Amino acid sequence: MNNPRIQLETELGKIVIELYPHQAPVTVANFLRYIDENRFTDACFYRVVRMDNQPNNETKIEVIQGGLKDDEHPQSLPVIPHETTAQTGIRHKDGTISMARDEPGTASSEFFICINDQPDLDFGGKRNPDGQGFAAFGKVIEGMEIVKKIQSQPANDQYLVNDIKITNIKKL
């Protein structure tokens, strides 16, 4: 069976992502619900984590983060259960899309895309003190150059000076 694919159209170009519903059913269903119900109309990429902008982090990562940006956004859906990489087998490799969260079980609308392999984001990794890692659920299959272009935009600390608007998200 073919995995669903989605296309993120941004101000800087298109990113095509393949989702893995058989491995991460809860996380993929949540993401697709945001798309199907047009809840990402205000979505943007707003955070870039680079080697040079995380001086206080012992465990460094490289990602771009997007979503609705506001935890209290009216389009937000309820939080979902946390699907760890130990459960799904999806590792945080170059191009992996995953859910941003605070505590396990607090992911909702915010997601990130890995730049280079990020094993410290997997279950047991050192980036989050709880060791539960993040819920990976797909991979960029076209447009990593756009991901890297977003990551290279001017930022104050880890937040883009100008958010990169996601102009459309659709299933292919």
C-alpha atoms as a PDB file:
ATOM      1  CA  MET A   1       0.000   0.000   0.000  1.00  0.00           C
ATOM      2  CA  ASN A   2       1.278   3.457  -0.885  1.00  0.00           C
ATOM      3  CA  ASN A   3       1.988   5.923   1.888  1.00  0.00           C
ATOM      4  CA  PRO A   4       0.131   9.249   1.644  1.00  0.00           C
ATOM      5  CA  ARG A   5       2.102  12.232   0.441  1.00  0.00           C
ATOM      6  CA  ILE A   6       1.515  15.853   1.213  1.00  0.00           C
ATOM      7  CA  GLN A   7       2.866  19.016  -0.337  1.00  0.00           C
ATOM      8  CA  LEU A   8       3.739  22.076   1.723  1.00  0.00           C
ATOM      9  CA  GLU A   9       3.879  25.185  -0.420  1.00  0.00           C
ATOM     10  CA  THR A  10       5.919  27.919   1.234  1.00  0.00           C
ATOM     11  CA  GLU A  11       6.983  31.405   0.207  1.00  0.00           C
ATOM     12  CA  LEU A  12      10.397  29.903  -0.632  1.00  0.00           C
ATOM     13  CA  GLY A  13       9.234  26.802  -2.519  1.00  0.00           C
ATOM     14  CA  LYS A  14       7.564  23.398  -2.223  1.00  0.00           C
ATOM     15  CA  ILE A  15       8.323  20.521   0.131  1.00  0.00           C
ATOM     16  CA  VAL A  16       6.855  17.045  -0.498  1.00  0.00           C
ATOM     17  CA  ILE A  17       6.570  14.725   2.494  1.00  0.00           C
ATOM     18  CA  GLU A  18       5.707  11.030   2.631  1.00  0.00           C
ATOM     19  CA  LEU A  19       3.791  10.032   5.764  1.00  0.00           C
ATOM     20  CA  TYR A  20       4.023   6.642   7.527  1.00  0.00           C
ATOM     21  CA  PRO A  21       0.519   5.814   8.860  1.00  0.00           C
ATOM     22  CA  HIS A  22       1.263   2.128   9.423  1.00  0.00           C
ATOM     23  CA  GLN A  23       4.099   2.954  11.804  1.00  0.00           C
ATOM     24  CA  ALA A  24       2.745   6.157  13.428  1.00  0.00           C
ATOM     25  CA  PRO A  25      -1.052   5.933  13.020  1.00  0.00           C
ATOM     26  CA  VAL A  26      -2.060   8.427  15.726  1.00  0.00           C
ATOM     27  CA  THR A  27       0.437  11.098  14.686  1.00  0.00           C
ATOM     28  CA  VAL A  28      -0.280  10.771  10.942  1.00  0.00           C
ATOM     29  CA  ALA A  29      -4.068  10.835  11.536  1.00  0.00           C
ATOM     30  CA  ASN A  30      -3.650  14.030  13.589  1.00  0.00           C
ATOM     31  CA  PHE A  31      -1.533  15.718  10.892  1.00  0.00           C
ATOM     32  CA  LEU A  32      -3.936  14.694   8.118  1.00  0.00           C
ATOM     33  CA  ARG A  33      -6.882  15.978  10.151  1.00  0.00           C
ATOM     34  CA  TYR A  34      -5.245  19.407  10.270  1.00  0.00           C
ATOM     35  CA  ILE A  35      -4.932  19.273   6.487  1.00  0.00           C
ATOM     36  CA  ASP A  36      -8.405  17.811   5.777  1.00  0.00           C
ATOM     37  CA  GLU A  37     -10.119  20.366   8.022  1.00  0.00           C
ATOM     38  CA  ASN A  38      -8.083  23.316   6.648  1.00  0.00           C
ATOM     39  CA  ARG A  39      -6.689  24.061  10.103  1.00  0.00           C
ATOM     40  CA  PHE A  40      -3.241  25.049   8.780  1.00  0.00           C
ATOM     41  CA  THR A  41      -4.469  28.185   6.979  1.00  0.00           C
ATOM     42  CA  ASP A  42      -2.340  30.372   9.313  1.00  0.00           C
ATOM     43  CA  ALA A  43       0.614  27.978   9.416  1.00  0.00           C
ATOM     44  CA  CYS A  44       4.195  29.096   8.972  1.00  0.00           C
ATOM     45  CA  PHE A  45       7.771  28.117   9.689  1.00  0.00           C
ATOM     46  CA  TYR A  46       8.917  30.318  12.549  1.00  0.00           C
ATOM     47  CA  ARG A  47      11.801  28.598  14.334  1.00  0.00           C
ATOM     48  CA  VAL A  48      15.194  27.485  13.058  1.00  0.00           C
ATOM     49  CA  VAL A  49      17.653  25.577  15.203  1.00  0.00           C
ATOM     50  CA  ARG A  50      21.201  25.713  13.899  1.00  0.00           C
ATOM     51  CA  MET A  51      24.572  24.841  15.346  1.00  0.00           C
ATOM     52  CA  ASP A  52      25.212  28.560  15.992  1.00  0.00           C
ATOM     53  CA  ASN A  53      22.014  29.488  17.858  1.00  0.00           C
ATOM     54  CA  GLN A  54      21.795  27.062  20.772  1.00  0.00           C
ATOM     55  CA  PRO A  55      24.748  28.058  22.961  1.00  0.00           C
ATOM     56  CA  ASN A  56      23.195  26.782  26.188  1.00  0.00           C
ATOM     57  CA  ASN A  57      22.311  23.339  24.836  1.00  0.00           C
ATOM     58  CA  GLU A  58      24.835  20.610  25.467  1.00  0.00           C
ATOM     59  CA  THR A  59      23.049  18.401  22.916  1.00  0.00           C
ATOM     60  CA  LYS A  60      22.821  20.341  19.663  1.00  0.00           C
ATOM     61  CA  ILE A  61      20.293  19.648  16.905  1.00  0.00           C
ATOM     62  CA  GLU A  62      19.368  21.102  13.508  1.00  0.00           C
ATOM     63  CA  VAL A  63      15.680  21.512  12.634  1.00  0.00           C
ATOM     64  CA  ILE A  64      13.121  23.944  11.270  1.00  0.00           C
ATOM     65  CA  GLN A  65       9.843  24.190  13.162  1.00  0.00           C
ATOM     66  CA  GLY A  66       6.435  25.129  11.848  1.00  0.00           C
ATOM     67  CA  GLY A  67       2.752  24.963  12.589  1.00  0.00           C
ATOM     68  CA  LEU A  68       0.212  27.375  14.006  1.00  0.00           C
ATOM     69  CA  LYS A  69       2.852  28.995  16.266  1.00  0.00           C
ATOM     70  CA  ASP A  70       0.379  29.924  19.007  1.00  0.00           C
ATOM     71  CA  ASP A  71      -0.423  27.277  21.643  1.00  0.00           C
ATOM     72  CA  GLU A  72      -3.875  28.821  22.052  1.00  0.00           C
ATOM     73  CA  HIS A  73      -4.602  29.116  18.309  1.00  0.00           C
ATOM     74  CA  PRO A  74      -8.331  28.705  17.573  1.00  0.00           C
ATOM     75  CA  GLN A  75      -7.554  26.074  14.903  1.00  0.00           C
ATOM     76  CA  SER A  76      -5.625  23.847  17.346  1.00  0.00           C
ATOM     77  CA  LEU A  77      -6.920  20.344  17.975  1.00  0.00           C
ATOM     78  CA  PRO A  78      -6.591  18.469  21.278  1.00  0.00           C
ATOM     79  CA  VAL A  79      -3.211  16.968  22.135  1.00  0.00           C
ATOM     80  CA  ILE A  80      -2.425  13.419  21.025  1.00  0.00           C
ATOM     81  CA  PRO A  81      -0.741  10.425  22.682  1.00  0.00           C
ATOM     82  CA  HIS A  82       3.020  10.250  22.188  1.00  0.00           C
ATOM     83  CA  GLU A  83       4.249   7.620  19.694  1.00  0.00           C
ATOM     84  CA  THR A  84       7.937   7.105  20.481  1.00  0.00           C
ATOM     85  CA  THR A  85      10.544   6.072  17.946  1.00  0.00           C
ATOM     86  CA  ALA A  86      10.918   2.860  19.981  1.00  0.00           C
ATOM     87  CA  GLN A  87       7.275   2.081  19.086  1.00  0.00           C
ATOM     88  CA  THR A  88       7.297   3.270  15.461  1.00  0.00           C
ATOM     89  CA  GLY A  89      10.834   2.458  14.344  1.00  0.00           C
ATOM     90  CA  ILE A  90      10.974   5.819  12.530  1.00  0.00           C
ATOM     91  CA  ARG A  91      14.285   7.471  13.369  1.00  0.00           C
ATOM     92  CA  HIS A  92      15.134  11.165  13.198  1.00  0.00           C
ATOM     93  CA  LYS A  93      17.217  11.015  10.020  1.00  0.00           C
ATOM     94  CA  ASP A  94      17.872  13.821   7.535  1.00  0.00           C
ATOM     95  CA  GLY A  95      14.470  15.033   6.292  1.00  0.00           C
ATOM     96  CA  THR A  96      12.341  13.333   8.968  1.00  0.00           C
ATOM     97  CA  ILE A  97       9.196  15.206  10.024  1.00  0.00           C
ATOM     98  CA  SER A  98       8.264  14.927  13.677  1.00  0.00           C
ATOM     99  CA  MET A  99       5.962  16.497  16.265  1.00  0.00           C
ATOM    100  CA  ALA A 100       7.169  19.250  18.577  1.00  0.00           C
ATOM    101  CA  ARG A 101       6.088  18.881  22.199  1.00  0.00           C
ATOM    102  CA  ASP A 102       6.783  19.855  25.765  1.00  0.00           C
ATOM    103  CA  GLU A 103       5.891  16.770  27.845  1.00  0.00           C
ATOM    104  CA  PRO A 104       4.998  13.386  26.285  1.00  0.00           C
ATOM    105  CA  GLY A 105       1.386  13.539  25.144  1.00  0.00           C
ATOM    106  CA  THR A 106       1.320  17.320  24.556  1.00  0.00           C
ATOM    107  CA  ALA A 107       1.844  17.394  20.759  1.00  0.00           C
ATOM    108  CA  SER A 108      -0.902  19.060  18.755  1.00  0.00           C
ATOM    109  CA  SER A 109      -0.186  21.310  15.752  1.00  0.00           C
ATOM    110  CA  GLU A 110       3.557  22.034  15.857  1.00  0.00           C
ATOM    111  CA  PHE A 111       5.993  19.991  13.790  1.00  0.00           C
ATOM    112  CA  PHE A 112       9.628  20.088  12.764  1.00  0.00           C
ATOM    113  CA  ILE A 113      11.844  18.787   9.978  1.00  0.00           C
ATOM    114  CA  CYS A 114      15.312  17.419  10.720  1.00  0.00           C
ATOM    115  CA  ILE A 115      18.378  18.669   8.902  1.00  0.00           C
ATOM    116  CA  ASN A 116      20.996  15.912   8.995  1.00  0.00           C
ATOM    117  CA  ASP A 117      20.564  12.869  11.254  1.00  0.00           C
ATOM    118  CA  GLN A 118      19.384  13.776  14.767  1.00  0.00           C
ATOM    119  CA  PRO A 119      19.604  10.609  16.918  1.00  0.00           C
ATOM    120  CA  ASP A 120      19.294  12.656  20.124  1.00  0.00           C
ATOM    121  CA  LEU A 121      15.649  13.279  19.166  1.00  0.00           C
ATOM    122  CA  ASP A 122      14.895   9.516  19.181  1.00  0.00           C
ATOM    123  CA  PHE A 123      13.641   7.562  22.197  1.00  0.00           C
ATOM    124  CA  GLY A 124      16.488   7.457  24.702  1.00  0.00           C
ATOM    125  CA  GLY A 125      18.112  10.520  23.117  1.00  0.00           C
ATOM    126  CA  LYS A 126      19.640  13.299  25.168  1.00  0.00           C
ATOM    127  CA  ARG A 127      17.853  16.361  23.736  1.00  0.00           C
ATOM    128  CA  ASN A 128      14.816  16.069  26.001  1.00  0.00           C
ATOM    129  CA  PRO A 129      15.448  15.265  29.685  1.00  0.00           C
ATOM    130  CA  ASP A 130      12.524  12.795  29.838  1.00  0.00           C
ATOM    131  CA  GLY A 131      14.279  10.520  27.316  1.00  0.00           C
ATOM    132  CA  GLN A 132      11.036   9.854  25.436  1.00  0.00           C
ATOM    133  CA  GLY A 133      12.213  11.576  22.259  1.00  0.00           C
ATOM    134  CA  PHE A 134       9.825  12.990  19.695  1.00  0.00           C
ATOM    135  CA  ALA A 135       7.140  11.414  17.492  1.00  0.00           C
ATOM    136  CA  ALA A 136       8.561  11.041  13.977  1.00  0.00           C
ATOM    137  CA  PHE A 137       5.918  10.291  11.354  1.00  0.00           C
ATOM    138  CA  GLY A 138       7.266  10.856   7.825  1.00  0.00           C
ATOM    139  CA  LYS A 139      10.097  12.084   5.640  1.00  0.00           C
ATOM    140  CA  VAL A 140      10.774  14.813   3.089  1.00  0.00           C
ATOM    141  CA  ILE A 141      11.084  13.192  -0.343  1.00  0.00           C
ATOM    142  CA  GLU A 142      11.375  16.414  -2.375  1.00  0.00           C
ATOM    143  CA  GLY A 143      12.452  19.898  -1.373  1.00  0.00           C
ATOM    144  CA  MET A 144      15.212  19.470   1.213  1.00  0.00           C
ATOM    145  CA  GLU A 145      16.885  22.441  -0.481  1.00  0.00           C
ATOM    146  CA  ILE A 146      13.836  24.509   0.579  1.00  0.00           C
ATOM    147  CA  VAL A 147      14.136  23.190   4.161  1.00  0.00           C
ATOM    148  CA  LYS A 148      17.792  24.273   4.218  1.00  0.00           C
ATOM    149  CA  LYS A 149      16.889  27.633   2.670  1.00  0.00           C
ATOM    150  CA  ILE A 150      14.356  28.210   5.472  1.00  0.00           C
ATOM    151  CA  GLN A 151      16.963  27.209   8.073  1.00  0.00           C
ATOM    152  CA  SER A 152      19.411  29.782   6.664  1.00  0.00           C
ATOM    153  CA  GLN A 153      17.017  32.757   6.980  1.00  0.00           C
ATOM    154  CA  PRO A 154      17.882  35.555   9.443  1.00  0.00           C
ATOM    155  CA  ALA A 155      16.855  34.762  13.013  1.00  0.00           C
ATOM    156  CA  ASN A 156      16.930  36.304  16.476  1.00  0.00           C
ATOM    157  CA  ASP A 157      18.056  33.450  18.681  1.00  0.00           C
ATOM    158  CA  GLN A 158      16.010  30.573  17.236  1.00  0.00           C
ATOM    159  CA  TYR A 159      13.060  32.577  15.910  1.00  0.00           C
ATOM    160  CA  LEU A 160      12.946  33.801  12.329  1.00  0.00           C
ATOM    161  CA  VAL A 161      13.001  37.567  11.859  1.00  0.00           C
ATOM    162  CA  ASN A 162      10.265  37.029   9.243  1.00  0.00           C
ATOM    163  CA  ASP A 163       8.126  33.887   9.464  1.00  0.00           C
ATOM    164  CA  ILE A 164       8.013  31.814   6.287  1.00  0.00           C
ATOM    165  CA  LYS A 165       4.340  31.451   5.464  1.00  0.00           C
ATOM    166  CA  ILE A 166       2.999  28.066   4.429  1.00  0.00           C
ATOM    167  CA  THR A 167       0.697  29.198   1.633  1.00  0.00           C
ATOM    168  CA  ASN A 168      -0.924  25.805   1.030  1.00  0.00           C
ATOM    169  CA  ILE A 169      -0.817  22.249   2.344  1.00  0.00           C
ATOM    170  CA  LYS A 170      -2.505  19.514   0.353  1.00  0.00           C
ATOM    171  CA  LYS A 171      -2.553  15.776  -0.128  1.00  0.00           C
ATOM    172  CA  LEU A 172      -1.079  14.563  -3.403  1.00  0.00           C
END
